[in-house]
Amino acid sequence: MILDIARLMLFPALMAFAAASDLLTMTIPNRVSLALLAGFVVMAPLTGMDVHDVLNHAGAGALVLVLAFSMFAVGWVGGGDAKVAAAIGLWFGFDHLLDYLVLASLFGGALTVLLLQLRQWPLPYAFTSQPWLTRLHDKQTGIPYGIALALGALMIYPDTDWIKTIDLAHFAMR
C-alpha cells in the first residue's frame, strides 16, 4: 500500500514543484531532477520492473537528455528544463515518450504565445510589487517551460504502468 501511495504521489508532487518553481523563480532546482532519478531507481525494482524495461526507460531518458541539452546549447530551453525533461523521459520510457513530447510541445507553444501576448501590454500597477510577476512579464526573460513539461507529464502519467497497475478500488474501500 505504501508503494502504491508513493506511485500516486511522488511523480505528481515533483511535477507540481517543478512547475511552481519555474513560474515563481524561472529556475528548476537540480534536486527535482535528482529526486525524479532517485525515485525511479528505488521504485522500478520495487514495482517489479525487469531489466529490459529499466533499460528501455534509461534509453528514453538518455535520448531526451541529448535532445534537451542540444536545445539548451542553442538557447531554446534552460538547463533545469533539459534536466527535468530527461528525468521525465526516464519515468515514461519509450512507450509514452512520443505522446509526452508532443503534449509538452503543444503546452509549451501555447504558453509561449500567451506570455508573448501578455508582455505586449503594461503590467497593471497592482501587480508590480510582485517580483515573480514583474520577472515573468519582462520581455527579456525567457519562458518558464517547466510549466509545460510538468503539464504534459501530468497528462500522460495516468496512462503509464506506474498508475495502471494500482488497484484504485482498494483505496476506495478504505
C-alpha atoms as a PDB file:
ATOM      1  CA  MET A   1       0.000   0.000   0.000  1.00  0.00           C
ATOM      2  CA  ILE A   2       2.830   2.417   0.794  1.00  0.00           C
ATOM      3  CA  LEU A   3       4.360   1.689  -2.596  1.00  0.00           C
ATOM      4  CA  ASP A   4       1.032   2.487  -4.265  1.00  0.00           C
ATOM      5  CA  ILE A   5       0.792   5.765  -2.364  1.00  0.00           C
ATOM      6  CA  ALA A   6       4.336   6.622  -3.466  1.00  0.00           C
ATOM      7  CA  ARG A   7       3.390   5.886  -7.095  1.00  0.00           C
ATOM      8  CA  LEU A   8       0.325   8.091  -6.756  1.00  0.00           C
ATOM      9  CA  MET A   9       2.107  10.968  -5.044  1.00  0.00           C
ATOM     10  CA  LEU A  10       5.848  11.191  -5.784  1.00  0.00           C
ATOM     11  CA  PHE A  11       5.897  11.939  -9.507  1.00  0.00           C
ATOM     12  CA  PRO A  12       2.907  14.336  -9.487  1.00  0.00           C
ATOM     13  CA  ALA A  13       4.261  16.204  -6.458  1.00  0.00           C
ATOM     14  CA  LEU A  14       7.642  16.677  -8.123  1.00  0.00           C
ATOM     15  CA  MET A  15       5.940  17.887 -11.316  1.00  0.00           C
ATOM     16  CA  ALA A  16       3.885  20.408  -9.357  1.00  0.00           C
ATOM     17  CA  PHE A  17       7.010  21.615  -7.544  1.00  0.00           C
ATOM     18  CA  ALA A  18       8.968  21.943 -10.814  1.00  0.00           C
ATOM     19  CA  ALA A  19       6.169  23.951 -12.452  1.00  0.00           C
ATOM     20  CA  ALA A  20       5.683  26.225  -9.453  1.00  0.00           C
ATOM     21  CA  SER A  21       9.408  26.779  -9.055  1.00  0.00           C
ATOM     22  CA  ASP A  22       9.824  27.682 -12.728  1.00  0.00           C
ATOM     23  CA  LEU A  23       6.836  30.034 -12.600  1.00  0.00           C
ATOM     24  CA  LEU A  24       7.990  31.830  -9.462  1.00  0.00           C
ATOM     25  CA  THR A  25      11.776  31.847  -9.912  1.00  0.00           C
ATOM     26  CA  MET A  26      12.415  30.947 -13.579  1.00  0.00           C
ATOM     27  CA  THR A  27      14.567  28.046 -12.362  1.00  0.00           C
ATOM     28  CA  ILE A  28      14.014  24.376 -11.648  1.00  0.00           C
ATOM     29  CA  PRO A  29      16.309  23.230  -8.848  1.00  0.00           C
ATOM     30  CA  ASN A  30      18.631  20.304  -9.553  1.00  0.00           C
ATOM     31  CA  ARG A  31      17.110  18.499  -6.581  1.00  0.00           C
ATOM     32  CA  VAL A  32      13.906  17.994  -8.582  1.00  0.00           C
ATOM     33  CA  SER A  33      15.708  16.087 -11.340  1.00  0.00           C
ATOM     34  CA  LEU A  34      17.759  14.189  -8.761  1.00  0.00           C
ATOM     35  CA  ALA A  35      14.610  13.279  -6.806  1.00  0.00           C
ATOM     36  CA  LEU A  36      12.980  12.020 -10.020  1.00  0.00           C
ATOM     37  CA  LEU A  37      16.081   9.944 -10.785  1.00  0.00           C
ATOM     38  CA  ALA A  38      16.282   8.563  -7.236  1.00  0.00           C
ATOM     39  CA  GLY A  39      12.558   7.860  -7.187  1.00  0.00           C
ATOM     40  CA  PHE A  40      12.831   5.856 -10.384  1.00  0.00           C
ATOM     41  CA  VAL A  41      15.885   3.923  -9.171  1.00  0.00           C
ATOM     42  CA  VAL A  42      14.100   2.980  -5.942  1.00  0.00           C
ATOM     43  CA  MET A  43      10.632   2.354  -7.313  1.00  0.00           C
ATOM     44  CA  ALA A  44      11.473   0.474 -10.533  1.00  0.00           C
ATOM     45  CA  PRO A  45      12.654  -2.710  -8.813  1.00  0.00           C
ATOM     46  CA  LEU A  46      10.031  -2.422  -6.071  1.00  0.00           C
ATOM     47  CA  THR A  47       7.264  -2.382  -8.673  1.00  0.00           C
ATOM     48  CA  GLY A  48       8.675  -5.443 -10.441  1.00  0.00           C
ATOM     49  CA  MET A  49      10.208  -3.704 -13.443  1.00  0.00           C
ATOM     50  CA  ASP A  50      12.562  -6.120 -15.186  1.00  0.00           C
ATOM     51  CA  VAL A  51      15.994  -5.305 -16.615  1.00  0.00           C
ATOM     52  CA  HIS A  52      14.653  -4.906 -20.164  1.00  0.00           C
ATOM     53  CA  ASP A  53      12.097  -2.330 -19.017  1.00  0.00           C
ATOM     54  CA  VAL A  54      14.666  -0.467 -16.918  1.00  0.00           C
ATOM     55  CA  LEU A  55      16.960  -0.260 -19.951  1.00  0.00           C
ATOM     56  CA  ASN A  56      14.031   0.922 -22.093  1.00  0.00           C
ATOM     57  CA  HIS A  57      13.350   3.710 -19.619  1.00  0.00           C
ATOM     58  CA  ALA A  58      17.052   4.569 -19.313  1.00  0.00           C
ATOM     59  CA  GLY A  59      17.344   4.770 -23.100  1.00  0.00           C
ATOM     60  CA  ALA A  60      14.362   7.110 -23.306  1.00  0.00           C
ATOM     61  CA  GLY A  61      15.845   9.316 -20.587  1.00  0.00           C
ATOM     62  CA  ALA A  62      19.227   9.364 -22.335  1.00  0.00           C
ATOM     63  CA  LEU A  63      17.641  10.272 -25.671  1.00  0.00           C
ATOM     64  CA  VAL A  64      15.726  13.155 -24.110  1.00  0.00           C
ATOM     65  CA  LEU A  65      18.879  14.275 -22.298  1.00  0.00           C
ATOM     66  CA  VAL A  66      20.784  14.513 -25.599  1.00  0.00           C
ATOM     67  CA  LEU A  67      17.924  16.299 -27.369  1.00  0.00           C
ATOM     68  CA  ALA A  68      17.199  18.657 -24.483  1.00  0.00           C
ATOM     69  CA  PHE A  69      20.828  19.614 -23.951  1.00  0.00           C
ATOM     70  CA  SER A  70      21.153  20.273 -27.678  1.00  0.00           C
ATOM     71  CA  MET A  71      18.230  22.663 -27.288  1.00  0.00           C
ATOM     72  CA  PHE A  72      19.882  24.165 -24.201  1.00  0.00           C
ATOM     73  CA  ALA A  73      23.139  24.660 -26.127  1.00  0.00           C
ATOM     74  CA  VAL A  74      21.376  26.830 -28.708  1.00  0.00           C
ATOM     75  CA  GLY A  75      19.447  28.737 -26.028  1.00  0.00           C
ATOM     76  CA  TRP A  76      15.969  27.363 -26.686  1.00  0.00           C
ATOM     77  CA  VAL A  77      15.417  25.956 -23.170  1.00  0.00           C
ATOM     78  CA  GLY A  78      17.013  26.354 -19.783  1.00  0.00           C
ATOM     79  CA  GLY A  79      19.307  23.832 -18.159  1.00  0.00           C
ATOM     80  CA  GLY A  80      16.755  22.947 -15.497  1.00  0.00           C
ATOM     81  CA  ASP A  81      14.173  22.312 -18.208  1.00  0.00           C
ATOM     82  CA  ALA A  82      16.584  19.988 -20.016  1.00  0.00           C
ATOM     83  CA  LYS A  83      17.383  18.004 -16.874  1.00  0.00           C
ATOM     84  CA  VAL A  84      13.787  17.615 -15.741  1.00  0.00           C
ATOM     85  CA  ALA A  85      12.680  16.637 -19.267  1.00  0.00           C
ATOM     86  CA  ALA A  86      15.304  13.872 -19.270  1.00  0.00           C
ATOM     87  CA  ALA A  87      14.165  12.661 -15.858  1.00  0.00           C
ATOM     88  CA  ILE A  88      10.566  12.604 -17.092  1.00  0.00           C
ATOM     89  CA  GLY A  89      11.717  10.593 -20.112  1.00  0.00           C
ATOM     90  CA  LEU A  90      13.304   8.125 -17.681  1.00  0.00           C
ATOM     91  CA  TRP A  91       9.970   7.638 -15.900  1.00  0.00           C
ATOM     92  CA  PHE A  92       7.978   7.244 -19.134  1.00  0.00           C
ATOM     93  CA  GLY A  93      10.251   5.068 -21.236  1.00  0.00           C
ATOM     94  CA  PHE A  94       9.739   4.778 -24.966  1.00  0.00           C
ATOM     95  CA  ASP A  95       6.147   3.566 -24.542  1.00  0.00           C
ATOM     96  CA  HIS A  96       4.876   7.030 -23.595  1.00  0.00           C
ATOM     97  CA  LEU A  97       7.733   9.265 -24.699  1.00  0.00           C
ATOM     98  CA  LEU A  98       6.322  10.489 -28.008  1.00  0.00           C
ATOM     99  CA  ASP A  99       2.918  11.280 -26.508  1.00  0.00           C
ATOM    100  CA  TYR A 100       4.633  13.184 -23.707  1.00  0.00           C
ATOM    101  CA  LEU A 101       6.915  15.166 -26.026  1.00  0.00           C
ATOM    102  CA  VAL A 102       4.008  16.136 -28.275  1.00  0.00           C
ATOM    103  CA  LEU A 103       1.853  17.287 -25.353  1.00  0.00           C
ATOM    104  CA  ALA A 104       4.716  19.173 -23.684  1.00  0.00           C
ATOM    105  CA  SER A 105       5.480  20.880 -27.012  1.00  0.00           C
ATOM    106  CA  LEU A 106       1.853  21.889 -27.506  1.00  0.00           C
ATOM    107  CA  PHE A 107       1.596  23.231 -23.959  1.00  0.00           C
ATOM    108  CA  GLY A 108       4.941  24.985 -24.404  1.00  0.00           C
ATOM    109  CA  GLY A 109       3.807  26.624 -27.627  1.00  0.00           C
ATOM    110  CA  ALA A 110       0.561  27.784 -26.054  1.00  0.00           C
ATOM    111  CA  LEU A 111       2.410  29.109 -23.000  1.00  0.00           C
ATOM    112  CA  THR A 112       4.899  30.944 -25.207  1.00  0.00           C
ATOM    113  CA  VAL A 113       2.195  32.593 -27.318  1.00  0.00           C
ATOM    114  CA  LEU A 114       0.229  33.548 -24.200  1.00  0.00           C
ATOM    115  CA  LEU A 115       3.229  35.112 -22.455  1.00  0.00           C
ATOM    116  CA  LEU A 116       4.391  36.945 -25.568  1.00  0.00           C
ATOM    117  CA  GLN A 117       0.906  38.409 -25.964  1.00  0.00           C
ATOM    118  CA  LEU A 118       0.640  39.380 -22.289  1.00  0.00           C
ATOM    119  CA  ARG A 119       4.063  41.011 -22.447  1.00  0.00           C
ATOM    120  CA  GLN A 120       2.776  43.388 -25.123  1.00  0.00           C
ATOM    121  CA  TRP A 121       0.578  45.076 -22.522  1.00  0.00           C
ATOM    122  CA  PRO A 122       1.799  47.036 -19.497  1.00  0.00           C
ATOM    123  CA  LEU A 123       1.758  45.151 -16.220  1.00  0.00           C
ATOM    124  CA  PRO A 124      -1.093  46.514 -14.068  1.00  0.00           C
ATOM    125  CA  TYR A 125       0.229  48.642 -11.230  1.00  0.00           C
ATOM    126  CA  ALA A 126      -1.335  46.393  -8.580  1.00  0.00           C
ATOM    127  CA  PHE A 127       0.941  43.540  -9.740  1.00  0.00           C
ATOM    128  CA  THR A 128       4.215  45.479  -9.914  1.00  0.00           C
ATOM    129  CA  SER A 129       5.010  44.774  -6.256  1.00  0.00           C
ATOM    130  CA  GLN A 130       5.290  41.046  -7.010  1.00  0.00           C
ATOM    131  CA  PRO A 131       8.866  40.262  -8.146  1.00  0.00           C
ATOM    132  CA  TRP A 132       7.886  36.990  -9.804  1.00  0.00           C
ATOM    133  CA  LEU A 133       5.195  38.727 -11.873  1.00  0.00           C
ATOM    134  CA  THR A 134       7.498  41.544 -12.989  1.00  0.00           C
ATOM    135  CA  ARG A 135      10.147  38.945 -13.919  1.00  0.00           C
ATOM    136  CA  LEU A 136       7.560  36.881 -15.825  1.00  0.00           C
ATOM    137  CA  HIS A 137       6.299  39.998 -17.614  1.00  0.00           C
ATOM    138  CA  ASP A 138       9.768  41.203 -18.610  1.00  0.00           C
ATOM    139  CA  LYS A 139      10.274  40.840 -22.384  1.00  0.00           C
ATOM    140  CA  GLN A 140      13.947  39.972 -21.811  1.00  0.00           C
ATOM    141  CA  THR A 141      13.016  36.985 -19.649  1.00  0.00           C
ATOM    142  CA  GLY A 142      12.600  33.529 -21.107  1.00  0.00           C
ATOM    143  CA  ILE A 143       9.582  31.280 -20.926  1.00  0.00           C
ATOM    144  CA  PRO A 144       9.100  29.091 -17.835  1.00  0.00           C
ATOM    145  CA  TYR A 145       8.935  25.958 -19.975  1.00  0.00           C
ATOM    146  CA  GLY A 146       8.955  23.762 -16.865  1.00  0.00           C
ATOM    147  CA  ILE A 147       5.239  24.505 -16.602  1.00  0.00           C
ATOM    148  CA  ALA A 148       4.613  22.926 -19.998  1.00  0.00           C
ATOM    149  CA  LEU A 149       6.894  19.985 -19.213  1.00  0.00           C
ATOM    150  CA  ALA A 150       5.026  19.321 -15.973  1.00  0.00           C
ATOM    151  CA  LEU A 151       1.571  19.707 -17.550  1.00  0.00           C
ATOM    152  CA  GLY A 152       2.449  17.299 -20.336  1.00  0.00           C
ATOM    153  CA  ALA A 153       3.841  14.817 -17.819  1.00  0.00           C
ATOM    154  CA  LEU A 154       0.780  15.034 -15.589  1.00  0.00           C
ATOM    155  CA  MET A 155      -1.479  14.402 -18.583  1.00  0.00           C
ATOM    156  CA  ILE A 156       0.447  11.240 -19.571  1.00  0.00           C
ATOM    157  CA  TYR A 157       1.232   9.820 -16.112  1.00  0.00           C
ATOM    158  CA  PRO A 158      -2.225   8.252 -15.508  1.00  0.00           C
ATOM    159  CA  ASP A 159      -1.777   6.184 -18.692  1.00  0.00           C
ATOM    160  CA  THR A 160       1.508   4.655 -17.526  1.00  0.00           C
ATOM    161  CA  ASP A 161       2.016   1.337 -15.761  1.00  0.00           C
ATOM    162  CA  TRP A 162       3.052   3.320 -12.703  1.00  0.00           C
ATOM    163  CA  ILE A 163      -0.647   4.103 -12.197  1.00  0.00           C
ATOM    164  CA  LYS A 164      -2.486   1.463 -14.234  1.00  0.00           C
ATOM    165  CA  THR A 165      -1.186  -1.367 -12.073  1.00  0.00           C
ATOM    166  CA  ILE A 166      -2.509   0.177  -8.850  1.00  0.00           C
ATOM    167  CA  ASP A 167      -5.763  -1.289  -7.600  1.00  0.00           C
ATOM    168  CA  LEU A 168      -7.551   2.035  -7.091  1.00  0.00           C
ATOM    169  CA  ALA A 169     -10.703   0.202  -5.979  1.00  0.00           C
ATOM    170  CA  HIS A 170      -8.698  -0.992  -2.963  1.00  0.00           C
ATOM    171  CA  PHE A 171      -8.200   2.653  -1.944  1.00  0.00           C
ATOM    172  CA  ALA A 172     -11.902   3.429  -2.390  1.00  0.00           C
ATOM    173  CA  MET A 173     -12.867   0.632   0.006  1.00  0.00           C
ATOM    174  CA  ARG A 174     -10.888   2.087   2.895  1.00  0.00           C
END
